[in-house]
Amino acid sequence: MAEMEFSEEDDCLYMDGNFQLISLNLSNNFIREDGINWLWKAVSCQECLLIQKRANQSESEEQGLLPGLLRLVVDKNNVHQENEALKKLNEFMAGKHPFKKLAPLSEESSVISDSKESYK
């Protein structure tokens, strides 16, 4: 169960965050710069909380921890591509994405494909 904290100042209930949600697509949602700023804060806070939880748990308990958000898509919103928070968010999430881009073909691979061409 997530830890919760009630704030009397603004009558809000704050939770650690959803660590079970792994992929979130928010493209085409008319999100503006302030929304992207809040998303960046939420994602970075989630990472800090995850680090704290890992530090406070034994090795066997740590294996049960979920990784939190691994994939976030925020394309086609009302934010300029040069927005600093958007850049930070995209850069940070690219490092967490489980299906990172494959490395470019090596010279050996291209030689193999060239030799296949010669058999035709």
N, C-alpha and C. Protein backbone atom coordinates (compact mmCIF):
# COMPACT_ATOMS: atom_id res chain seq x y z
N MET A 1 0.85 -1.18 0.00
CA MET A 1 0.00 0.00 0.00
C MET A 1 0.89 1.24 0.00
N ALA A 2 0.53 2.21 -0.79
CA ALA A 2 1.31 3.45 -0.89
C ALA A 2 1.16 4.28 0.37
N GLU A 3 2.23 4.99 0.72
CA GLU A 3 2.15 5.90 1.86
C GLU A 3 1.33 7.11 1.45
N MET A 4 0.50 7.60 2.38
CA MET A 4 -0.35 8.74 2.07
C MET A 4 -0.16 9.83 3.11
N GLU A 5 -0.31 11.05 2.67
CA GLU A 5 -0.18 12.20 3.56
C GLU A 5 -1.27 13.20 3.21
N PHE A 6 -2.03 13.62 4.21
CA PHE A 6 -3.10 14.59 3.97
C PHE A 6 -2.59 15.99 4.32
N SER A 7 -2.84 16.94 3.43
CA SER A 7 -2.44 18.32 3.66
C SER A 7 -3.68 19.15 3.98
N GLU A 8 -3.76 19.66 5.20
CA GLU A 8 -4.90 20.50 5.58
C GLU A 8 -4.87 21.84 4.86
N GLU A 9 -3.68 22.28 4.49
CA GLU A 9 -3.51 23.57 3.84
C GLU A 9 -4.31 23.66 2.54
N ASP A 10 -4.26 22.61 1.73
CA ASP A 10 -4.99 22.64 0.46
C ASP A 10 -6.00 21.50 0.32
N ASP A 11 -6.31 20.83 1.44
CA ASP A 11 -7.28 19.72 1.45
C ASP A 11 -7.00 18.68 0.38
N CYS A 12 -5.75 18.29 0.24
CA CYS A 12 -5.37 17.29 -0.75
C CYS A 12 -4.74 16.09 -0.07
N LEU A 13 -4.93 14.96 -0.69
CA LEU A 13 -4.31 13.72 -0.24
C LEU A 13 -3.17 13.41 -1.19
N TYR A 14 -1.95 13.32 -0.66
CA TYR A 14 -0.77 13.05 -1.47
C TYR A 14 -0.35 11.61 -1.28
N MET A 15 -0.07 10.94 -2.39
CA MET A 15 0.40 9.55 -2.35
C MET A 15 1.78 9.48 -2.98
N ASP A 16 2.53 8.44 -2.63
CA ASP A 16 3.86 8.22 -3.19
C ASP A 16 3.86 8.24 -4.70
N GLY A 17 2.88 7.70 -5.29
CA GLY A 17 2.84 7.59 -6.75
C GLY A 17 2.49 6.17 -7.13
N ASN A 18 2.15 6.01 -8.37
CA ASN A 18 1.77 4.71 -8.86
C ASN A 18 3.00 4.02 -9.44
N PHE A 19 3.52 3.04 -8.74
CA PHE A 19 4.71 2.32 -9.20
C PHE A 19 4.33 1.12 -10.05
N GLN A 20 3.04 0.87 -10.23
CA GLN A 20 2.61 -0.26 -11.05
C GLN A 20 2.40 0.15 -12.50
N LEU A 21 2.21 1.42 -12.75
CA LEU A 21 2.03 1.91 -14.11
C LEU A 21 3.40 1.96 -14.78
N ILE A 22 3.57 1.23 -15.87
CA ILE A 22 4.87 1.14 -16.52
C ILE A 22 4.92 1.97 -17.79
N SER A 23 3.82 2.04 -18.52
CA SER A 23 3.79 2.76 -19.79
C SER A 23 2.60 3.72 -19.81
N LEU A 24 2.85 4.96 -20.23
CA LEU A 24 1.79 5.97 -20.26
C LEU A 24 1.91 6.78 -21.54
N ASN A 25 0.83 6.81 -22.33
CA ASN A 25 0.81 7.57 -23.58
C ASN A 25 -0.10 8.78 -23.39
N LEU A 26 0.50 9.96 -23.36
CA LEU A 26 -0.25 11.21 -23.19
C LEU A 26 -0.16 12.08 -24.44
N SER A 27 0.09 11.48 -25.59
CA SER A 27 0.18 12.26 -26.82
C SER A 27 -1.21 12.76 -27.22
N ASN A 28 -1.23 13.90 -27.91
CA ASN A 28 -2.47 14.53 -28.38
C ASN A 28 -3.45 14.87 -27.25
N ASN A 29 -2.93 15.35 -26.13
CA ASN A 29 -3.79 15.69 -24.99
C ASN A 29 -3.81 17.17 -24.68
N PHE A 30 -3.30 18.00 -25.56
CA PHE A 30 -3.29 19.46 -25.38
C PHE A 30 -2.58 19.88 -24.09
N ILE A 31 -1.55 19.15 -23.71
CA ILE A 31 -0.77 19.48 -22.52
C ILE A 31 0.10 20.69 -22.83
N ARG A 32 0.08 21.67 -21.92
CA ARG A 32 0.88 22.88 -22.11
C ARG A 32 2.16 22.79 -21.28
N GLU A 33 2.94 23.86 -21.31
CA GLU A 33 4.24 23.87 -20.62
C GLU A 33 4.12 23.59 -19.13
N ASP A 34 3.11 24.17 -18.48
CA ASP A 34 2.98 23.94 -17.04
C ASP A 34 2.69 22.46 -16.75
N GLY A 35 1.93 21.81 -17.62
CA GLY A 35 1.66 20.38 -17.46
C GLY A 35 2.91 19.54 -17.62
N ILE A 36 3.74 19.90 -18.61
CA ILE A 36 5.00 19.18 -18.82
C ILE A 36 5.92 19.38 -17.62
N ASN A 37 5.92 20.60 -17.06
CA ASN A 37 6.73 20.86 -15.85
C ASN A 37 6.29 19.95 -14.71
N TRP A 38 4.98 19.80 -14.52
CA TRP A 38 4.48 18.94 -13.45
C TRP A 38 4.79 17.47 -13.73
N LEU A 39 4.71 17.06 -14.98
CA LEU A 39 5.07 15.68 -15.32
C LEU A 39 6.53 15.41 -15.00
N TRP A 40 7.40 16.36 -15.35
CA TRP A 40 8.83 16.21 -15.07
C TRP A 40 9.06 16.09 -13.56
N LYS A 41 8.38 16.94 -12.78
CA LYS A 41 8.53 16.88 -11.32
C LYS A 41 8.04 15.54 -10.78
N ALA A 42 6.91 15.06 -11.30
CA ALA A 42 6.35 13.79 -10.82
C ALA A 42 7.28 12.62 -11.13
N VAL A 43 7.80 12.59 -12.35
CA VAL A 43 8.69 11.49 -12.75
C VAL A 43 9.99 11.52 -11.95
N SER A 44 10.55 12.70 -11.77
CA SER A 44 11.80 12.78 -11.01
C SER A 44 11.57 12.48 -9.53
N CYS A 45 10.44 12.88 -8.98
CA CYS A 45 10.11 12.55 -7.58
C CYS A 45 9.92 11.05 -7.42
N GLN A 46 9.27 10.43 -8.41
CA GLN A 46 9.06 8.99 -8.35
C GLN A 46 10.40 8.26 -8.31
N GLU A 47 11.35 8.73 -9.10
CA GLU A 47 12.68 8.11 -9.12
C GLU A 47 13.37 8.27 -7.76
N CYS A 48 13.25 9.46 -7.15
CA CYS A 48 13.85 9.68 -5.82
C CYS A 48 13.22 8.76 -4.78
N LEU A 49 11.90 8.63 -4.82
CA LEU A 49 11.22 7.75 -3.87
C LEU A 49 11.64 6.30 -4.06
N LEU A 50 11.82 5.90 -5.30
CA LEU A 50 12.25 4.53 -5.59
C LEU A 50 13.65 4.27 -5.04
N ILE A 51 14.53 5.24 -5.20
CA ILE A 51 15.90 5.11 -4.67
C ILE A 51 15.86 5.00 -3.14
N GLN A 52 15.03 5.82 -2.49
CA GLN A 52 14.90 5.77 -1.03
C GLN A 52 14.36 4.42 -0.58
N LYS A 53 13.34 3.92 -1.29
CA LYS A 53 12.76 2.63 -0.91
C LYS A 53 13.78 1.51 -1.05
N ARG A 54 14.56 1.55 -2.13
CA ARG A 54 15.58 0.52 -2.33
C ARG A 54 16.63 0.56 -1.23
N ALA A 55 16.99 1.75 -0.79
CA ALA A 55 18.00 1.90 0.25
C ALA A 55 17.51 1.36 1.59
N ASN A 56 16.20 1.41 1.82
CA ASN A 56 15.64 1.01 3.11
C ASN A 56 15.17 -0.44 3.14
N GLN A 57 15.36 -1.19 2.06
CA GLN A 57 14.86 -2.56 2.03
C GLN A 57 15.99 -3.56 1.89
N SER A 58 15.70 -4.76 2.36
CA SER A 58 16.69 -5.83 2.21
C SER A 58 16.74 -6.27 0.75
N GLU A 59 17.73 -7.08 0.41
CA GLU A 59 17.91 -7.52 -0.98
C GLU A 59 16.69 -8.31 -1.48
N SER A 60 16.12 -9.16 -0.64
CA SER A 60 14.96 -9.96 -1.07
C SER A 60 13.72 -9.08 -1.23
N GLU A 61 13.55 -8.09 -0.35
CA GLU A 61 12.41 -7.17 -0.48
C GLU A 61 12.56 -6.29 -1.72
N GLU A 62 13.80 -5.92 -2.03
CA GLU A 62 14.07 -5.03 -3.16
C GLU A 62 13.66 -5.67 -4.48
N GLN A 63 13.77 -6.98 -4.58
CA GLN A 63 13.40 -7.67 -5.81
C GLN A 63 11.91 -7.53 -6.10
N GLY A 64 11.10 -7.31 -5.08
CA GLY A 64 9.66 -7.15 -5.27
C GLY A 64 9.24 -5.75 -5.65
N LEU A 65 10.17 -4.80 -5.60
CA LEU A 65 9.83 -3.41 -5.95
C LEU A 65 9.60 -3.27 -7.45
N LEU A 66 8.54 -2.58 -7.79
CA LEU A 66 8.27 -2.30 -9.20
C LEU A 66 9.09 -1.09 -9.64
N PRO A 67 9.47 -1.02 -10.91
CA PRO A 67 10.38 0.03 -11.38
C PRO A 67 9.74 1.40 -11.57
N GLY A 68 8.44 1.48 -11.50
CA GLY A 68 7.79 2.76 -11.80
C GLY A 68 7.68 2.96 -13.30
N LEU A 69 7.39 4.16 -13.70
CA LEU A 69 7.17 4.47 -15.10
C LEU A 69 8.43 4.25 -15.93
N LEU A 70 8.33 3.44 -16.98
CA LEU A 70 9.46 3.16 -17.86
C LEU A 70 9.31 3.81 -19.23
N ARG A 71 8.08 4.09 -19.61
CA ARG A 71 7.83 4.65 -20.95
C ARG A 71 6.76 5.73 -20.83
N LEU A 72 7.09 6.92 -21.32
CA LEU A 72 6.15 8.04 -21.31
C LEU A 72 6.18 8.71 -22.68
N VAL A 73 5.02 8.81 -23.31
CA VAL A 73 4.91 9.45 -24.62
C VAL A 73 4.12 10.74 -24.46
N VAL A 74 4.75 11.87 -24.82
CA VAL A 74 4.09 13.17 -24.70
C VAL A 74 4.15 13.94 -26.02
N ASP A 75 4.20 13.21 -27.13
CA ASP A 75 4.26 13.84 -28.45
C ASP A 75 2.95 14.57 -28.77
N LYS A 76 3.05 15.52 -29.69
CA LYS A 76 1.89 16.22 -30.25
C LYS A 76 1.02 16.89 -29.19
N ASN A 77 1.66 17.63 -28.30
CA ASN A 77 0.95 18.43 -27.31
C ASN A 77 1.26 19.89 -27.57
N ASN A 78 0.75 20.78 -26.74
CA ASN A 78 0.93 22.23 -26.94
C ASN A 78 2.19 22.74 -26.26
N VAL A 79 3.32 22.10 -26.56
CA VAL A 79 4.60 22.47 -25.96
C VAL A 79 5.64 22.53 -27.06
N HIS A 80 6.42 23.59 -27.05
CA HIS A 80 7.49 23.73 -28.04
C HIS A 80 8.57 22.69 -27.76
N GLN A 81 9.13 22.12 -28.80
CA GLN A 81 10.14 21.06 -28.66
C GLN A 81 11.40 21.52 -27.92
N GLU A 82 11.63 22.83 -27.87
CA GLU A 82 12.81 23.37 -27.19
C GLU A 82 12.57 23.63 -25.70
N ASN A 83 11.38 23.33 -25.19
CA ASN A 83 11.05 23.51 -23.78
C ASN A 83 12.01 22.69 -22.92
N GLU A 84 12.63 23.33 -21.92
CA GLU A 84 13.64 22.67 -21.08
C GLU A 84 13.08 21.47 -20.33
N ALA A 85 11.89 21.62 -19.75
CA ALA A 85 11.31 20.50 -19.00
C ALA A 85 11.01 19.33 -19.93
N LEU A 86 10.56 19.61 -21.14
CA LEU A 86 10.28 18.55 -22.11
C LEU A 86 11.57 17.84 -22.51
N LYS A 87 12.63 18.61 -22.72
CA LYS A 87 13.92 18.00 -23.05
C LYS A 87 14.40 17.10 -21.92
N LYS A 88 14.33 17.60 -20.67
CA LYS A 88 14.77 16.81 -19.52
C LYS A 88 13.93 15.54 -19.39
N LEU A 89 12.63 15.70 -19.55
CA LEU A 89 11.71 14.57 -19.42
C LEU A 89 12.01 13.51 -20.47
N ASN A 90 12.14 13.92 -21.72
CA ASN A 90 12.42 12.97 -22.80
C ASN A 90 13.77 12.29 -22.62
N GLU A 91 14.77 13.06 -22.21
CA GLU A 91 16.10 12.50 -22.00
C GLU A 91 16.10 11.48 -20.85
N PHE A 92 15.45 11.85 -19.77
CA PHE A 92 15.38 10.97 -18.60
C PHE A 92 14.63 9.68 -18.94
N MET A 93 13.48 9.82 -19.61
CA MET A 93 12.67 8.64 -19.92
C MET A 93 13.34 7.76 -20.97
N ALA A 94 14.12 8.34 -21.86
CA ALA A 94 14.83 7.54 -22.86
C ALA A 94 15.80 6.57 -22.18
N GLY A 95 16.38 7.00 -21.08
CA GLY A 95 17.29 6.14 -20.33
C GLY A 95 16.59 5.02 -19.59
N LYS A 96 15.30 5.18 -19.31
CA LYS A 96 14.55 4.16 -18.59
C LYS A 96 13.81 3.20 -19.52
N HIS A 97 13.66 3.59 -20.79
CA HIS A 97 12.87 2.79 -21.73
C HIS A 97 13.48 1.40 -21.87
N PRO A 98 12.67 0.35 -21.68
CA PRO A 98 13.21 -1.01 -21.71
C PRO A 98 13.67 -1.48 -23.09
N PHE A 99 13.18 -0.86 -24.14
CA PHE A 99 13.56 -1.26 -25.50
C PHE A 99 14.39 -0.17 -26.14
N LYS A 100 15.60 0.01 -25.62
CA LYS A 100 16.48 1.04 -26.16
C LYS A 100 16.81 0.71 -27.60
N LYS A 101 17.13 1.75 -28.35
CA LYS A 101 17.48 1.54 -29.75
C LYS A 101 18.70 0.64 -29.85
N LEU A 102 18.67 -0.21 -30.84
CA LEU A 102 19.81 -1.10 -31.07
C LEU A 102 20.99 -0.31 -31.59
N ALA A 103 22.17 -0.79 -31.28
CA ALA A 103 23.39 -0.13 -31.76
C ALA A 103 23.45 -0.25 -33.27
N PRO A 104 24.09 0.71 -33.93
CA PRO A 104 24.21 0.64 -35.39
C PRO A 104 25.00 -0.60 -35.79
N LEU A 105 24.77 -1.05 -37.00
CA LEU A 105 25.46 -2.23 -37.50
C LEU A 105 26.96 -2.02 -37.48
N SER A 106 27.67 -3.06 -37.11
CA SER A 106 29.13 -2.98 -37.11
C SER A 106 29.64 -3.24 -38.52
N GLU A 107 30.94 -3.08 -38.71
CA GLU A 107 31.54 -3.32 -40.03
C GLU A 107 31.36 -4.78 -40.43
N GLU A 108 31.49 -5.70 -39.46
CA GLU A 108 31.34 -7.12 -39.77
C GLU A 108 29.96 -7.41 -40.33
N SER A 109 28.93 -6.81 -39.73
CA SER A 109 27.57 -7.03 -40.19
C SER A 109 27.39 -6.54 -41.61
N SER A 110 27.97 -5.39 -41.93
CA SER A 110 27.81 -4.87 -43.28
C SER A 110 28.58 -5.72 -44.28
N VAL A 111 29.71 -6.30 -43.86
CA VAL A 111 30.47 -7.19 -44.75
C VAL A 111 29.65 -8.44 -45.05
N ILE A 112 28.98 -8.96 -44.03
CA ILE A 112 28.14 -10.15 -44.23
C ILE A 112 27.03 -9.84 -45.21
N SER A 113 26.36 -8.71 -45.05
CA SER A 113 25.28 -8.37 -45.97
C SER A 113 25.82 -8.13 -47.38
N ASP A 114 27.04 -7.58 -47.51
CA ASP A 114 27.65 -7.38 -48.83
C ASP A 114 27.94 -8.72 -49.49
N SER A 115 28.41 -9.69 -48.70
CA SER A 115 28.72 -10.99 -49.28
C SER A 115 27.45 -11.71 -49.72
N LYS A 116 26.34 -11.49 -49.02
CA LYS A 116 25.07 -12.07 -49.43
C LYS A 116 24.64 -11.50 -50.77
N GLU A 117 24.92 -10.22 -50.98
CA GLU A 117 24.58 -9.58 -52.25
C GLU A 117 25.34 -10.22 -53.40
N SER A 118 26.57 -10.66 -53.17
CA SER A 118 27.38 -11.23 -54.25
C SER A 118 26.87 -12.60 -54.69
N TYR A 119 26.08 -13.28 -53.84
CA TYR A 119 25.52 -14.58 -54.20
C TYR A 119 24.33 -14.46 -55.13
N LYS A 120 23.76 -13.30 -55.25
CA LYS A 120 22.56 -13.13 -56.08
C LYS A 120 22.88 -13.15 -57.54
